[in-house]
Full PDB file with SEQRES, HELIX, SHEET, SSBOND, CRYST1, ORIGX, SCALE, CONECT and MASTER records, all heavy atoms in Angstrom:
SEQRES   1 A   44  ALA ASP ALA ALA GLU LEU ALA LYS ALA MET HIS GLY VAL          
SEQRES   2 A   44  ALA ASP GLN ILE GLN VAL VAL LEU PRO LEU HIS PRO ARG          
SEQRES   3 A   44  GLY ARG GLN ARG LEU ALA ALA ALA GLY LEU PHE PRO HIS          
SEQRES   4 A   44  PRO GLY ILE ARG VAL                                          
HELIX    1 AA1 ASP A    2  ALA A   14  1                                  13    
HELIX    2 AA2 ARG A   28  ALA A   33  1                                   6    
SHEET    1 AA1 2 VAL A  19  VAL A  20  0                                        
SHEET    2 AA1 2 ILE A  42  ARG A  43  1                                        
CRYST1    1.000    1.000    1.000  90.00  90.00  90.00 P 1           1          
ORIGX1      1.000000  0.000000  0.000000        0.00000                         
ORIGX2      0.000000  1.000000  0.000000        0.00000                         
ORIGX3      0.000000  0.000000  1.000000        0.00000                         
SCALE1      1.000000  0.000000  0.000000        0.00000                         
SCALE2      0.000000  1.000000  0.000000        0.00000                         
SCALE3      0.000000  0.000000  1.000000        0.00000                         
ATOM      1  N   ALA A   1     -24.827  53.997  31.385  1.00  0.00           N  
ATOM      2  CA  ALA A   1     -24.811  53.503  32.753  1.00  0.00           C  
ATOM      3  C   ALA A   1     -25.944  52.477  32.966  1.00  0.00           C  
ATOM      4  O   ALA A   1     -25.754  51.435  33.591  1.00  0.00           O  
ATOM      5  CB  ALA A   1     -24.900  54.605  33.711  1.00  0.00           C  
ATOM      6  N   ASP A   2     -27.149  52.817  32.429  1.00  0.00           N  
ATOM      7  CA  ASP A   2     -28.301  51.897  32.561  1.00  0.00           C  
ATOM      8  C   ASP A   2     -27.969  50.604  31.757  1.00  0.00           C  
ATOM      9  O   ASP A   2     -28.281  49.485  32.259  1.00  0.00           O  
ATOM     10  CB  ASP A   2     -29.532  52.565  31.992  1.00  0.00           C  
ATOM     11  CG  ASP A   2     -30.043  53.674  32.875  1.00  0.00           C  
ATOM     12  OD1 ASP A   2     -29.760  53.668  34.057  1.00  0.00           O  
ATOM     13  OD2 ASP A   2     -30.729  54.559  32.283  1.00  0.00           O  
ATOM     14  N   ALA A   3     -27.430  50.747  30.579  1.00  0.00           N  
ATOM     15  CA  ALA A   3     -27.137  49.553  29.775  1.00  0.00           C  
ATOM     16  C   ALA A   3     -26.103  48.644  30.462  1.00  0.00           C  
ATOM     17  O   ALA A   3     -26.195  47.428  30.442  1.00  0.00           O  
ATOM     18  CB  ALA A   3     -26.656  49.988  28.372  1.00  0.00           C  
ATOM     19  N   ALA A   4     -25.093  49.277  31.113  1.00  0.00           N  
ATOM     20  CA  ALA A   4     -24.068  48.494  31.820  1.00  0.00           C  
ATOM     21  C   ALA A   4     -24.716  47.766  33.015  1.00  0.00           C  
ATOM     22  O   ALA A   4     -24.364  46.604  33.284  1.00  0.00           O  
ATOM     23  CB  ALA A   4     -22.954  49.431  32.275  1.00  0.00           C  
ATOM     24  N   GLU A   5     -25.589  48.436  33.749  1.00  0.00           N  
ATOM     25  CA  GLU A   5     -26.259  47.814  34.856  1.00  0.00           C  
ATOM     26  C   GLU A   5     -27.148  46.640  34.387  1.00  0.00           C  
ATOM     27  O   GLU A   5     -27.210  45.586  35.022  1.00  0.00           O  
ATOM     28  CB  GLU A   5     -27.117  48.819  35.599  1.00  0.00           C  
ATOM     29  CG  GLU A   5     -27.751  48.274  36.886  1.00  0.00           C  
ATOM     30  CD  GLU A   5     -28.617  49.278  37.624  1.00  0.00           C  
ATOM     31  OE1 GLU A   5     -28.887  50.358  37.036  1.00  0.00           O  
ATOM     32  OE2 GLU A   5     -29.038  48.983  38.744  1.00  0.00           O  
ATOM     33  N   LEU A   6     -27.826  46.850  33.234  1.00  0.00           N  
ATOM     34  CA  LEU A   6     -28.640  45.789  32.642  1.00  0.00           C  
ATOM     35  C   LEU A   6     -27.748  44.593  32.266  1.00  0.00           C  
ATOM     36  O   LEU A   6     -28.121  43.453  32.522  1.00  0.00           O  
ATOM     37  CB  LEU A   6     -29.395  46.293  31.437  1.00  0.00           C  
ATOM     38  CG  LEU A   6     -30.216  45.332  30.644  1.00  0.00           C  
ATOM     39  CD1 LEU A   6     -31.317  44.737  31.505  1.00  0.00           C  
ATOM     40  CD2 LEU A   6     -30.800  45.956  29.393  1.00  0.00           C  
ATOM     41  N   ALA A   7     -26.629  44.858  31.647  1.00  0.00           N  
ATOM     42  CA  ALA A   7     -25.725  43.758  31.237  1.00  0.00           C  
ATOM     43  C   ALA A   7     -25.250  42.968  32.429  1.00  0.00           C  
ATOM     44  O   ALA A   7     -25.222  41.735  32.382  1.00  0.00           O  
ATOM     45  CB  ALA A   7     -24.523  44.350  30.468  1.00  0.00           C  
ATOM     46  N   LYS A   8     -24.933  43.649  33.497  1.00  0.00           N  
ATOM     47  CA  LYS A   8     -24.473  42.977  34.736  1.00  0.00           C  
ATOM     48  C   LYS A   8     -25.572  42.082  35.273  1.00  0.00           C  
ATOM     49  O   LYS A   8     -25.355  40.936  35.672  1.00  0.00           O  
ATOM     50  CB  LYS A   8     -24.054  44.011  35.758  1.00  0.00           C  
ATOM     51  CG  LYS A   8     -23.543  43.394  37.078  1.00  0.00           C  
ATOM     52  CD  LYS A   8     -23.105  44.482  38.035  1.00  0.00           C  
ATOM     53  CE  LYS A   8     -22.669  43.909  39.361  1.00  0.00           C  
ATOM     54  NZ  LYS A   8     -22.283  44.961  40.322  1.00  0.00           N  
ATOM     55  N   ALA A   9     -26.842  42.637  35.293  1.00  0.00           N  
ATOM     56  CA  ALA A   9     -27.979  41.849  35.819  1.00  0.00           C  
ATOM     57  C   ALA A   9     -28.225  40.631  34.959  1.00  0.00           C  
ATOM     58  O   ALA A   9     -28.487  39.521  35.460  1.00  0.00           O  
ATOM     59  CB  ALA A   9     -29.191  42.746  35.905  1.00  0.00           C  
ATOM     60  N   MET A  10     -28.165  40.795  33.637  1.00  0.00           N  
ATOM     61  CA  MET A  10     -28.442  39.687  32.726  1.00  0.00           C  
ATOM     62  C   MET A  10     -27.314  38.676  32.824  1.00  0.00           C  
ATOM     63  O   MET A  10     -27.578  37.428  32.664  1.00  0.00           O  
ATOM     64  CB  MET A  10     -28.607  40.159  31.270  1.00  0.00           C  
ATOM     65  CG  MET A  10     -29.869  40.994  31.009  1.00  0.00           C  
ATOM     66  SD  MET A  10     -31.359  40.163  31.558  1.00  0.00           S  
ATOM     67  CE  MET A  10     -31.323  38.711  30.491  1.00  0.00           C  
ATOM     68  N   HIS A  11     -26.084  39.063  33.064  1.00  0.00           N  
ATOM     69  CA  HIS A  11     -25.038  38.079  33.295  1.00  0.00           C  
ATOM     70  C   HIS A  11     -25.342  37.226  34.521  1.00  0.00           C  
ATOM     71  O   HIS A  11     -25.066  36.038  34.568  1.00  0.00           O  
ATOM     72  CB  HIS A  11     -23.669  38.789  33.462  1.00  0.00           C  
ATOM     73  CG  HIS A  11     -23.168  39.317  32.151  1.00  0.00           C  
ATOM     74  ND1 HIS A  11     -21.982  40.005  32.064  1.00  0.00           N  
ATOM     75  CD2 HIS A  11     -23.632  39.234  30.892  1.00  0.00           C  
ATOM     76  CE1 HIS A  11     -21.715  40.344  30.826  1.00  0.00           C  
ATOM     77  NE2 HIS A  11     -22.731  39.891  30.088  1.00  0.00           N  
ATOM     78  N   GLY A  12     -25.887  37.908  35.580  1.00  0.00           N  
ATOM     79  CA  GLY A  12     -26.281  37.137  36.776  1.00  0.00           C  
ATOM     80  C   GLY A  12     -27.401  36.156  36.541  1.00  0.00           C  
ATOM     81  O   GLY A  12     -27.392  35.056  37.165  1.00  0.00           O  
ATOM     82  N   VAL A  13     -28.306  36.507  35.629  1.00  0.00           N  
ATOM     83  CA  VAL A  13     -29.322  35.540  35.208  1.00  0.00           C  
ATOM     84  C   VAL A  13     -28.729  34.395  34.477  1.00  0.00           C  
ATOM     85  O   VAL A  13     -29.011  33.206  34.686  1.00  0.00           O  
ATOM     86  CB  VAL A  13     -30.423  36.244  34.369  1.00  0.00           C  
ATOM     87  CG1 VAL A  13     -31.442  35.206  33.845  1.00  0.00           C  
ATOM     88  CG2 VAL A  13     -31.155  37.326  35.192  1.00  0.00           C  
ATOM     89  N   ALA A  14     -27.834  34.732  33.523  1.00  0.00           N  
ATOM     90  CA  ALA A  14     -27.200  33.695  32.722  1.00  0.00           C  
ATOM     91  C   ALA A  14     -26.274  32.745  33.511  1.00  0.00           C  
ATOM     92  O   ALA A  14     -25.950  31.678  33.045  1.00  0.00           O  
ATOM     93  CB  ALA A  14     -26.437  34.352  31.549  1.00  0.00           C  
ATOM     94  N   ASP A  15     -25.792  33.220  34.671  1.00  0.00           N  
ATOM     95  CA  ASP A  15     -25.050  32.351  35.547  1.00  0.00           C  
ATOM     96  C   ASP A  15     -25.921  31.221  36.089  1.00  0.00           C  
ATOM     97  O   ASP A  15     -25.389  30.137  36.509  1.00  0.00           O  
ATOM     98  CB  ASP A  15     -24.467  33.131  36.728  1.00  0.00           C  
ATOM     99  CG  ASP A  15     -23.300  34.056  36.339  1.00  0.00           C  
ATOM    100  OD1 ASP A  15     -22.718  33.818  35.296  1.00  0.00           O  
ATOM    101  OD2 ASP A  15     -23.082  34.999  37.073  1.00  0.00           O  
ATOM    102  N   GLN A  16     -27.240  31.410  36.101  1.00  0.00           N  
ATOM    103  CA  GLN A  16     -28.204  30.476  36.648  1.00  0.00           C  
ATOM    104  C   GLN A  16     -28.819  29.559  35.605  1.00  0.00           C  
ATOM    105  O   GLN A  16     -29.158  28.411  35.872  1.00  0.00           O  
ATOM    106  CB  GLN A  16     -29.299  31.185  37.422  1.00  0.00           C  
ATOM    107  CG  GLN A  16     -28.818  32.132  38.521  1.00  0.00           C  
ATOM    108  CD  GLN A  16     -29.975  32.899  39.113  1.00  0.00           C  
ATOM    109  OE1 GLN A  16     -30.907  32.323  39.656  1.00  0.00           O  
ATOM    110  NE2 GLN A  16     -29.926  34.222  39.011  1.00  0.00           N  
ATOM    111  N   ILE A  17     -29.066  30.137  34.402  1.00  0.00           N  
ATOM    112  CA  ILE A  17     -29.840  29.403  33.383  1.00  0.00           C  
ATOM    113  C   ILE A  17     -29.527  30.049  32.036  1.00  0.00           C  
ATOM    114  O   ILE A  17     -29.209  31.246  31.917  1.00  0.00           O  
ATOM    115  CB  ILE A  17     -31.367  29.508  33.707  1.00  0.00           C  
ATOM    116  CG1 ILE A  17     -32.164  28.594  32.744  1.00  0.00           C  
ATOM    117  CG2 ILE A  17     -31.863  30.936  33.656  1.00  0.00           C  
ATOM    118  CD1 ILE A  17     -33.643  28.450  33.187  1.00  0.00           C  
ATOM    119  N   GLN A  18     -29.611  29.244  30.967  1.00  0.00           N  
ATOM    120  CA  GLN A  18     -29.419  29.731  29.628  1.00  0.00           C  
ATOM    121  C   GLN A  18     -30.424  30.848  29.312  1.00  0.00           C  
ATOM    122  O   GLN A  18     -31.625  30.733  29.603  1.00  0.00           O  
ATOM    123  CB  GLN A  18     -29.588  28.634  28.628  1.00  0.00           C  
ATOM    124  CG  GLN A  18     -29.569  29.028  27.186  1.00  0.00           C  
ATOM    125  CD  GLN A  18     -28.142  29.372  26.695  1.00  0.00           C  
ATOM    126  OE1 GLN A  18     -27.217  28.587  26.913  1.00  0.00           O  
ATOM    127  NE2 GLN A  18     -27.991  30.539  26.109  1.00  0.00           N  
ATOM    128  N   VAL A  19     -29.901  31.939  28.739  1.00  0.00           N  
ATOM    129  CA  VAL A  19     -30.783  33.071  28.283  1.00  0.00           C  
ATOM    130  C   VAL A  19     -30.708  33.130  26.796  1.00  0.00           C  
ATOM    131  O   VAL A  19     -29.616  33.131  26.193  1.00  0.00           O  
ATOM    132  CB  VAL A  19     -30.296  34.399  28.916  1.00  0.00           C  
ATOM    133  CG1 VAL A  19     -31.132  35.568  28.334  1.00  0.00           C  
ATOM    134  CG2 VAL A  19     -30.406  34.381  30.413  1.00  0.00           C  
ATOM    135  N   VAL A  20     -31.896  33.236  26.176  1.00  0.00           N  
ATOM    136  CA  VAL A  20     -31.959  33.446  24.734  1.00  0.00           C  
ATOM    137  C   VAL A  20     -32.596  34.812  24.479  1.00  0.00           C  
ATOM    138  O   VAL A  20     -33.616  35.135  25.035  1.00  0.00           O  
ATOM    139  CB  VAL A  20     -32.705  32.340  23.991  1.00  0.00           C  
ATOM    140  CG1 VAL A  20     -34.131  32.176  24.511  1.00  0.00           C  
ATOM    141  CG2 VAL A  20     -32.743  32.598  22.488  1.00  0.00           C  
ATOM    142  N   LEU A  21     -31.928  35.660  23.690  1.00  0.00           N  
ATOM    143  CA  LEU A  21     -32.346  37.007  23.520  1.00  0.00           C  
ATOM    144  C   LEU A  21     -32.548  37.331  22.024  1.00  0.00           C  
ATOM    145  O   LEU A  21     -31.618  37.602  21.272  1.00  0.00           O  
ATOM    146  CB  LEU A  21     -31.220  37.926  24.077  1.00  0.00           C  
ATOM    147  CG  LEU A  21     -31.349  39.439  23.905  1.00  0.00           C  
ATOM    148  CD1 LEU A  21     -32.598  39.943  24.569  1.00  0.00           C  
ATOM    149  CD2 LEU A  21     -30.121  40.126  24.485  1.00  0.00           C  
ATOM    150  N   PRO A  22     -33.812  37.244  21.546  1.00  0.00           N  
ATOM    151  CA  PRO A  22     -34.126  37.723  20.195  1.00  0.00           C  
ATOM    152  C   PRO A  22     -34.055  39.253  20.238  1.00  0.00           C  
ATOM    153  O   PRO A  22     -34.870  39.915  20.873  1.00  0.00           O  
ATOM    154  CB  PRO A  22     -35.556  37.257  19.986  1.00  0.00           C  
ATOM    155  CG  PRO A  22     -35.824  36.276  21.050  1.00  0.00           C  
ATOM    156  CD  PRO A  22     -35.019  36.721  22.226  1.00  0.00           C  
ATOM    157  N   LEU A  23     -33.070  39.762  19.552  1.00  0.00           N  
ATOM    158  CA  LEU A  23     -32.693  41.200  19.794  1.00  0.00           C  
ATOM    159  C   LEU A  23     -33.261  42.089  18.738  1.00  0.00           C  
ATOM    160  O   LEU A  23     -32.987  42.023  17.540  1.00  0.00           O  
ATOM    161  CB  LEU A  23     -31.170  41.358  19.842  1.00  0.00           C  
ATOM    162  CG  LEU A  23     -30.695  42.710  20.370  1.00  0.00           C  
ATOM    163  CD1 LEU A  23     -31.276  42.983  21.793  1.00  0.00           C  
ATOM    164  CD2 LEU A  23     -29.191  42.746  20.450  1.00  0.00           C  
ATOM    165  N   HIS A  24     -34.115  42.992  19.194  1.00  0.00           N  
ATOM    166  CA  HIS A  24     -34.678  44.127  18.385  1.00  0.00           C  
ATOM    167  C   HIS A  24     -33.515  44.917  17.871  1.00  0.00           C  
ATOM    168  O   HIS A  24     -32.499  45.131  18.599  1.00  0.00           O  
ATOM    169  CB  HIS A  24     -35.577  44.923  19.323  1.00  0.00           C  
ATOM    170  CG  HIS A  24     -36.426  45.919  18.680  1.00  0.00           C  
ATOM    171  ND1 HIS A  24     -35.939  47.061  18.039  1.00  0.00           N  
ATOM    172  CD2 HIS A  24     -37.785  45.969  18.564  1.00  0.00           C  
ATOM    173  CE1 HIS A  24     -36.931  47.780  17.582  1.00  0.00           C  
ATOM    174  NE2 HIS A  24     -38.099  47.165  17.861  1.00  0.00           N  
ATOM    175  N   PRO A  25     -33.574  45.444  16.631  1.00  0.00           N  
ATOM    176  CA  PRO A  25     -32.465  46.268  16.146  1.00  0.00           C  
ATOM    177  C   PRO A  25     -32.165  47.447  17.066  1.00  0.00           C  
ATOM    178  O   PRO A  25     -31.022  47.857  17.233  1.00  0.00           O  
ATOM    179  CB  PRO A  25     -33.008  46.747  14.776  1.00  0.00           C  
ATOM    180  CG  PRO A  25     -33.949  45.685  14.320  1.00  0.00           C  
ATOM    181  CD  PRO A  25     -34.619  45.207  15.593  1.00  0.00           C  
ATOM    182  N   ARG A  26     -33.225  47.979  17.716  1.00  0.00           N  
ATOM    183  CA  ARG A  26     -33.030  49.114  18.599  1.00  0.00           C  
ATOM    184  C   ARG A  26     -32.208  48.697  19.811  1.00  0.00           C  
ATOM    185  O   ARG A  26     -32.543  47.742  20.473  1.00  0.00           O  
ATOM    186  CB  ARG A  26     -34.375  49.677  19.049  1.00  0.00           C  
ATOM    187  CG  ARG A  26     -34.234  50.982  19.707  1.00  0.00           C  
ATOM    188  CD  ARG A  26     -35.461  51.485  20.389  1.00  0.00           C  
ATOM    189  NE  ARG A  26     -35.304  52.880  20.748  1.00  0.00           N  
ATOM    190  CZ  ARG A  26     -34.480  53.300  21.685  1.00  0.00           C  
ATOM    191  NH1 ARG A  26     -33.797  52.468  22.388  1.00  0.00           N  
ATOM    192  NH2 ARG A  26     -34.406  54.621  21.931  1.00  0.00           N  
ATOM    193  N   GLY A  27     -31.154  49.364  20.055  1.00  0.00           N  
ATOM    194  CA  GLY A  27     -30.343  49.092  21.267  1.00  0.00           C  
ATOM    195  C   GLY A  27     -29.269  48.083  21.141  1.00  0.00           C  
ATOM    196  O   GLY A  27     -28.450  47.888  21.996  1.00  0.00           O  
ATOM    197  N   ARG A  28     -29.169  47.424  19.927  1.00  0.00           N  
ATOM    198  CA  ARG A  28     -28.128  46.395  19.746  1.00  0.00           C  
ATOM    199  C   ARG A  28     -26.713  46.938  19.987  1.00  0.00           C  
ATOM    200  O   ARG A  28     -25.897  46.343  20.678  1.00  0.00           O  
ATOM    201  CB  ARG A  28     -28.254  45.778  18.365  1.00  0.00           C  
ATOM    202  CG  ARG A  28     -27.238  44.706  18.066  1.00  0.00           C  
ATOM    203  CD  ARG A  28     -27.314  44.217  16.658  1.00  0.00           C  
ATOM    204  NE  ARG A  28     -28.522  43.408  16.464  1.00  0.00           N  
ATOM    205  CZ  ARG A  28     -28.572  42.072  16.508  1.00  0.00           C  
ATOM    206  NH1 ARG A  28     -27.473  41.407  16.864  1.00  0.00           N  
ATOM    207  NH2 ARG A  28     -29.684  41.467  16.301  1.00  0.00           N  
ATOM    208  N   GLN A  29     -26.443  48.112  19.374  1.00  0.00           N  
ATOM    209  CA  GLN A  29     -25.111  48.679  19.528  1.00  0.00           C  
ATOM    210  C   GLN A  29     -24.814  49.037  20.969  1.00  0.00           C  
ATOM    211  O   GLN A  29     -23.705  48.739  21.472  1.00  0.00           O  
ATOM    212  CB  GLN A  29     -25.040  49.942  18.638  1.00  0.00           C  
ATOM    213  CG  GLN A  29     -23.699  50.092  17.966  1.00  0.00           C  
ATOM    214  CD  GLN A  29     -23.751  51.234  16.918  1.00  0.00           C  
ATOM    215  OE1 GLN A  29     -24.747  51.944  16.727  1.00  0.00           O  
ATOM    216  NE2 GLN A  29     -22.639  51.418  16.228  1.00  0.00           N  
ATOM    217  N   ARG A  30     -25.799  49.647  21.664  1.00  0.00           N  
ATOM    218  CA  ARG A  30     -25.540  50.070  23.048  1.00  0.00           C  
ATOM    219  C   ARG A  30     -25.343  48.864  23.966  1.00  0.00           C  
ATOM    220  O   ARG A  30     -24.486  48.897  24.835  1.00  0.00           O  
ATOM    221  CB  ARG A  30     -26.702  50.892  23.511  1.00  0.00           C  
ATOM    222  CG  ARG A  30     -26.824  52.241  22.839  1.00  0.00           C  
ATOM    223  CD  ARG A  30     -27.961  53.077  23.399  1.00  0.00           C  
ATOM    224  NE  ARG A  30     -28.040  54.404  22.782  1.00  0.00           N  
ATOM    225  CZ  ARG A  30     -28.836  54.671  21.741  1.00  0.00           C  
ATOM    226  NH1 ARG A  30     -29.588  53.735  21.245  1.00  0.00           N  
ATOM    227  NH2 ARG A  30     -28.868  55.864  21.224  1.00  0.00           N  
ATOM    228  N   LEU A  31     -26.095  47.769  23.743  1.00  0.00           N  
ATOM    229  CA  LEU A  31     -25.986  46.593  24.586  1.00  0.00           C  
ATOM    230  C   LEU A  31     -24.654  45.914  24.301  1.00  0.00           C  
ATOM    231  O   LEU A  31     -24.024  45.344  25.207  1.00  0.00           O  
ATOM    232  CB  LEU A  31     -27.164  45.637  24.358  1.00  0.00           C  
ATOM    233  CG  LEU A  31     -28.499  46.122  24.894  1.00  0.00           C  
ATOM    234  CD1 LEU A  31     -29.591  45.169  24.497  1.00  0.00           C  
ATOM    235  CD2 LEU A  31     -28.429  46.255  26.424  1.00  0.00           C  
ATOM    236  N   ALA A  32     -24.214  45.945  23.045  1.00  0.00           N  
ATOM    237  CA  ALA A  32     -22.921  45.383  22.725  1.00  0.00           C  
ATOM    238  C   ALA A  32     -21.792  46.182  23.442  1.00  0.00           C  
ATOM    239  O   ALA A  32     -20.869  45.593  24.021  1.00  0.00           O  
ATOM    240  CB  ALA A  32     -22.708  45.404  21.233  1.00  0.00           C  
ATOM    241  N   ALA A  33     -21.905  47.513  23.364  1.00  0.00           N  
ATOM    242  CA  ALA A  33     -20.933  48.365  24.035  1.00  0.00           C  
ATOM    243  C   ALA A  33     -20.906  48.176  25.545  1.00  0.00           C  
ATOM    244  O   ALA A  33     -19.888  48.304  26.187  1.00  0.00           O  
ATOM    245  CB  ALA A  33     -21.218  49.838  23.706  1.00  0.00           C  
ATOM    246  N   ALA A  34     -22.110  47.807  26.099  1.00  0.00           N  
ATOM    247  CA  ALA A  34     -22.178  47.592  27.535  1.00  0.00           C  
ATOM    248  C   ALA A  34     -21.645  46.229  27.961  1.00  0.00           C  
ATOM    249  O   ALA A  34     -21.557  45.950  29.139  1.00  0.00           O  
ATOM    250  CB  ALA A  34     -23.666  47.716  27.949  1.00  0.00           C  
ATOM    251  N   GLY A  35     -21.263  45.397  26.998  1.00  0.00           N  
ATOM    252  CA  GLY A  35     -20.632  44.130  27.308  1.00  0.00           C  
ATOM    253  C   GLY A  35     -21.610  42.997  27.591  1.00  0.00           C  
ATOM    254  O   GLY A  35     -21.312  42.001  28.255  1.00  0.00           O  
ATOM    255  N   LEU A  36     -22.857  43.109  27.093  1.00  0.00           N  
ATOM    256  CA  LEU A  36     -23.853  42.094  27.363  1.00  0.00           C  
ATOM    257  C   LEU A  36     -23.560  40.743  26.725  1.00  0.00           C  
ATOM    258  O   LEU A  36     -23.733  39.707  27.294  1.00  0.00           O  
ATOM    259  CB  LEU A  36     -25.255  42.571  26.889  1.00  0.00           C  
ATOM    260  CG  LEU A  36     -26.394  41.579  27.011  1.00  0.00           C  
ATOM    261  CD1 LEU A  36     -26.693  41.284  28.455  1.00  0.00           C  
ATOM    262  CD2 LEU A  36     -27.650  42.089  26.279  1.00  0.00           C  
ATOM    263  N   PHE A  37     -23.041  40.764  25.488  1.00  0.00           N  
ATOM    264  CA  PHE A  37     -23.044  39.585  24.693  1.00  0.00           C  
ATOM    265  C   PHE A  37     -21.975  38.520  24.998  1.00  0.00           C  
ATOM    266  O   PHE A  37     -22.227  37.332  24.761  1.00  0.00           O  
ATOM    267  CB  PHE A  37     -22.888  39.964  23.186  1.00  0.00           C  
ATOM    268  CG  PHE A  37     -23.939  40.911  22.683  1.00  0.00           C  
ATOM    269  CD1 PHE A  37     -23.668  41.802  21.691  1.00  0.00           C  
ATOM    270  CD2 PHE A  37     -25.197  40.933  23.262  1.00  0.00           C  
ATOM    271  CE1 PHE A  37     -24.667  42.670  21.212  1.00  0.00           C  
ATOM    272  CE2 PHE A  37     -26.181  41.821  22.834  1.00  0.00           C  
ATOM    273  CZ  PHE A  37     -25.925  42.675  21.809  1.00  0.00           C  
ATOM    274  N   PRO A  38     -20.802  38.829  25.463  1.00  0.00           N  
ATOM    275  CA  PRO A  38     -19.768  37.804  25.573  1.00  0.00           C  
ATOM    276  C   PRO A  38     -20.075  36.675  26.556  1.00  0.00           C  
ATOM    277  O   PRO A  38     -19.431  35.605  26.501  1.00  0.00           O  
ATOM    278  CB  PRO A  38     -18.530  38.611  26.065  1.00  0.00           C  
ATOM    279  CG  PRO A  38     -18.790  40.008  25.693  1.00  0.00           C  
ATOM    280  CD  PRO A  38     -20.273  40.157  25.820  1.00  0.00           C  
ATOM    281  N   HIS A  39     -21.038  36.770  27.439  1.00  0.00           N  
ATOM    282  CA  HIS A  39     -21.310  35.726  28.425  1.00  0.00           C  
ATOM    283  C   HIS A  39     -21.749  34.449  27.729  1.00  0.00           C  
ATOM    284  O   HIS A  39     -22.607  34.455  26.850  1.00  0.00           O  
ATOM    285  CB  HIS A  39     -22.397  36.194  29.370  1.00  0.00           C  
ATOM    286  CG  HIS A  39     -22.519  35.348  30.576  1.00  0.00           C  
ATOM    287  ND1 HIS A  39     -23.003  34.046  30.544  1.00  0.00           N  
ATOM    288  CD2 HIS A  39     -22.229  35.593  31.913  1.00  0.00           C  
ATOM    289  CE1 HIS A  39     -23.024  33.568  31.802  1.00  0.00           C  
ATOM    290  NE2 HIS A  39     -22.539  34.451  32.635  1.00  0.00           N  
ATOM    291  N   PRO A  40     -21.131  33.306  28.024  1.00  0.00           N  
ATOM    292  CA  PRO A  40     -21.468  32.052  27.329  1.00  0.00           C  
ATOM    293  C   PRO A  40     -22.920  31.621  27.571  1.00  0.00           C  
ATOM    294  O   PRO A  40     -23.445  30.779  26.790  1.00  0.00           O  
ATOM    295  CB  PRO A  40     -20.513  31.038  27.953  1.00  0.00           C  
ATOM    296  CG  PRO A  40     -20.065  31.604  29.249  1.00  0.00           C  
ATOM    297  CD  PRO A  40     -20.087  33.130  29.036  1.00  0.00           C  
ATOM    298  N   GLY A  41     -23.552  32.107  28.619  1.00  0.00           N  
ATOM    299  CA  GLY A  41     -24.898  31.690  28.906  1.00  0.00           C  
ATOM    300  C   GLY A  41     -25.981  32.586  28.213  1.00  0.00           C  
ATOM    301  O   GLY A  41     -27.182  32.364  28.404  1.00  0.00           O  
ATOM    302  N   ILE A  42     -25.526  33.550  27.451  1.00  0.00           N  
ATOM    303  CA  ILE A  42     -26.477  34.438  26.713  1.00  0.00           C  
ATOM    304  C   ILE A  42     -26.370  34.160  25.223  1.00  0.00           C  
ATOM    305  O   ILE A  42     -25.294  34.268  24.637  1.00  0.00           O  
ATOM    306  CB  ILE A  42     -26.185  35.899  26.985  1.00  0.00           C  
ATOM    307  CG1 ILE A  42     -26.463  36.226  28.450  1.00  0.00           C  
ATOM    308  CG2 ILE A  42     -27.029  36.811  26.104  1.00  0.00           C  
ATOM    309  CD1 ILE A  42     -26.195  37.664  28.869  1.00  0.00           C  
ATOM    310  N   ARG A  43     -27.469  33.737  24.640  1.00  0.00           N  
ATOM    311  CA  ARG A  43     -27.521  33.437  23.212  1.00  0.00           C  
ATOM    312  C   ARG A  43     -28.335  34.530  22.498  1.00  0.00           C  
ATOM    313  O   ARG A  43     -29.563  34.611  22.738  1.00  0.00           O  
ATOM    314  CB  ARG A  43     -28.175  32.096  23.012  1.00  0.00           C  
ATOM    315  CG  ARG A  43     -28.445  31.678  21.594  1.00  0.00           C  
ATOM    316  CD  ARG A  43     -27.183  31.217  20.863  1.00  0.00           C  
ATOM    317  NE  ARG A  43     -27.422  30.976  19.445  1.00  0.00           N  
ATOM    318  CZ  ARG A  43     -28.039  29.864  18.970  1.00  0.00           C  
ATOM    319  NH1 ARG A  43     -28.448  28.919  19.814  1.00  0.00           N  
ATOM    320  NH2 ARG A  43     -28.261  29.726  17.681  1.00  0.00           N  
ATOM    321  N   VAL A  44     -27.706  35.341  21.720  1.00  0.00           N  
ATOM    322  CA  VAL A  44     -28.395  36.384  20.962  1.00  0.00           C  
ATOM    323  C   VAL A  44     -28.784  35.857  19.597  1.00  0.00           C  
ATOM    324  O   VAL A  44     -27.968  35.315  18.889  1.00  0.00           O  
ATOM    325  CB  VAL A  44     -27.478  37.640  20.835  1.00  0.00           C  
ATOM    326  CG1 VAL A  44     -28.164  38.711  20.021  1.00  0.00           C  
ATOM    327  CG2 VAL A  44     -27.072  38.169  22.197  1.00  0.00           C  
TER     328      VAL A  44                                                      
MASTER        0    0    0    2    2    0    0    6  327    1    0    4          
END                                                                             
């Protein structure tokens, strides 16, 4: 639930400006499951 809320918030940021996310191995799977990555404004 926290990861999903985070993904929604980051999508709102990416709607305003390009986001680049150097992703620590920890949490990658959970953030992917939360739907963070598909937004075109988020570059992992």
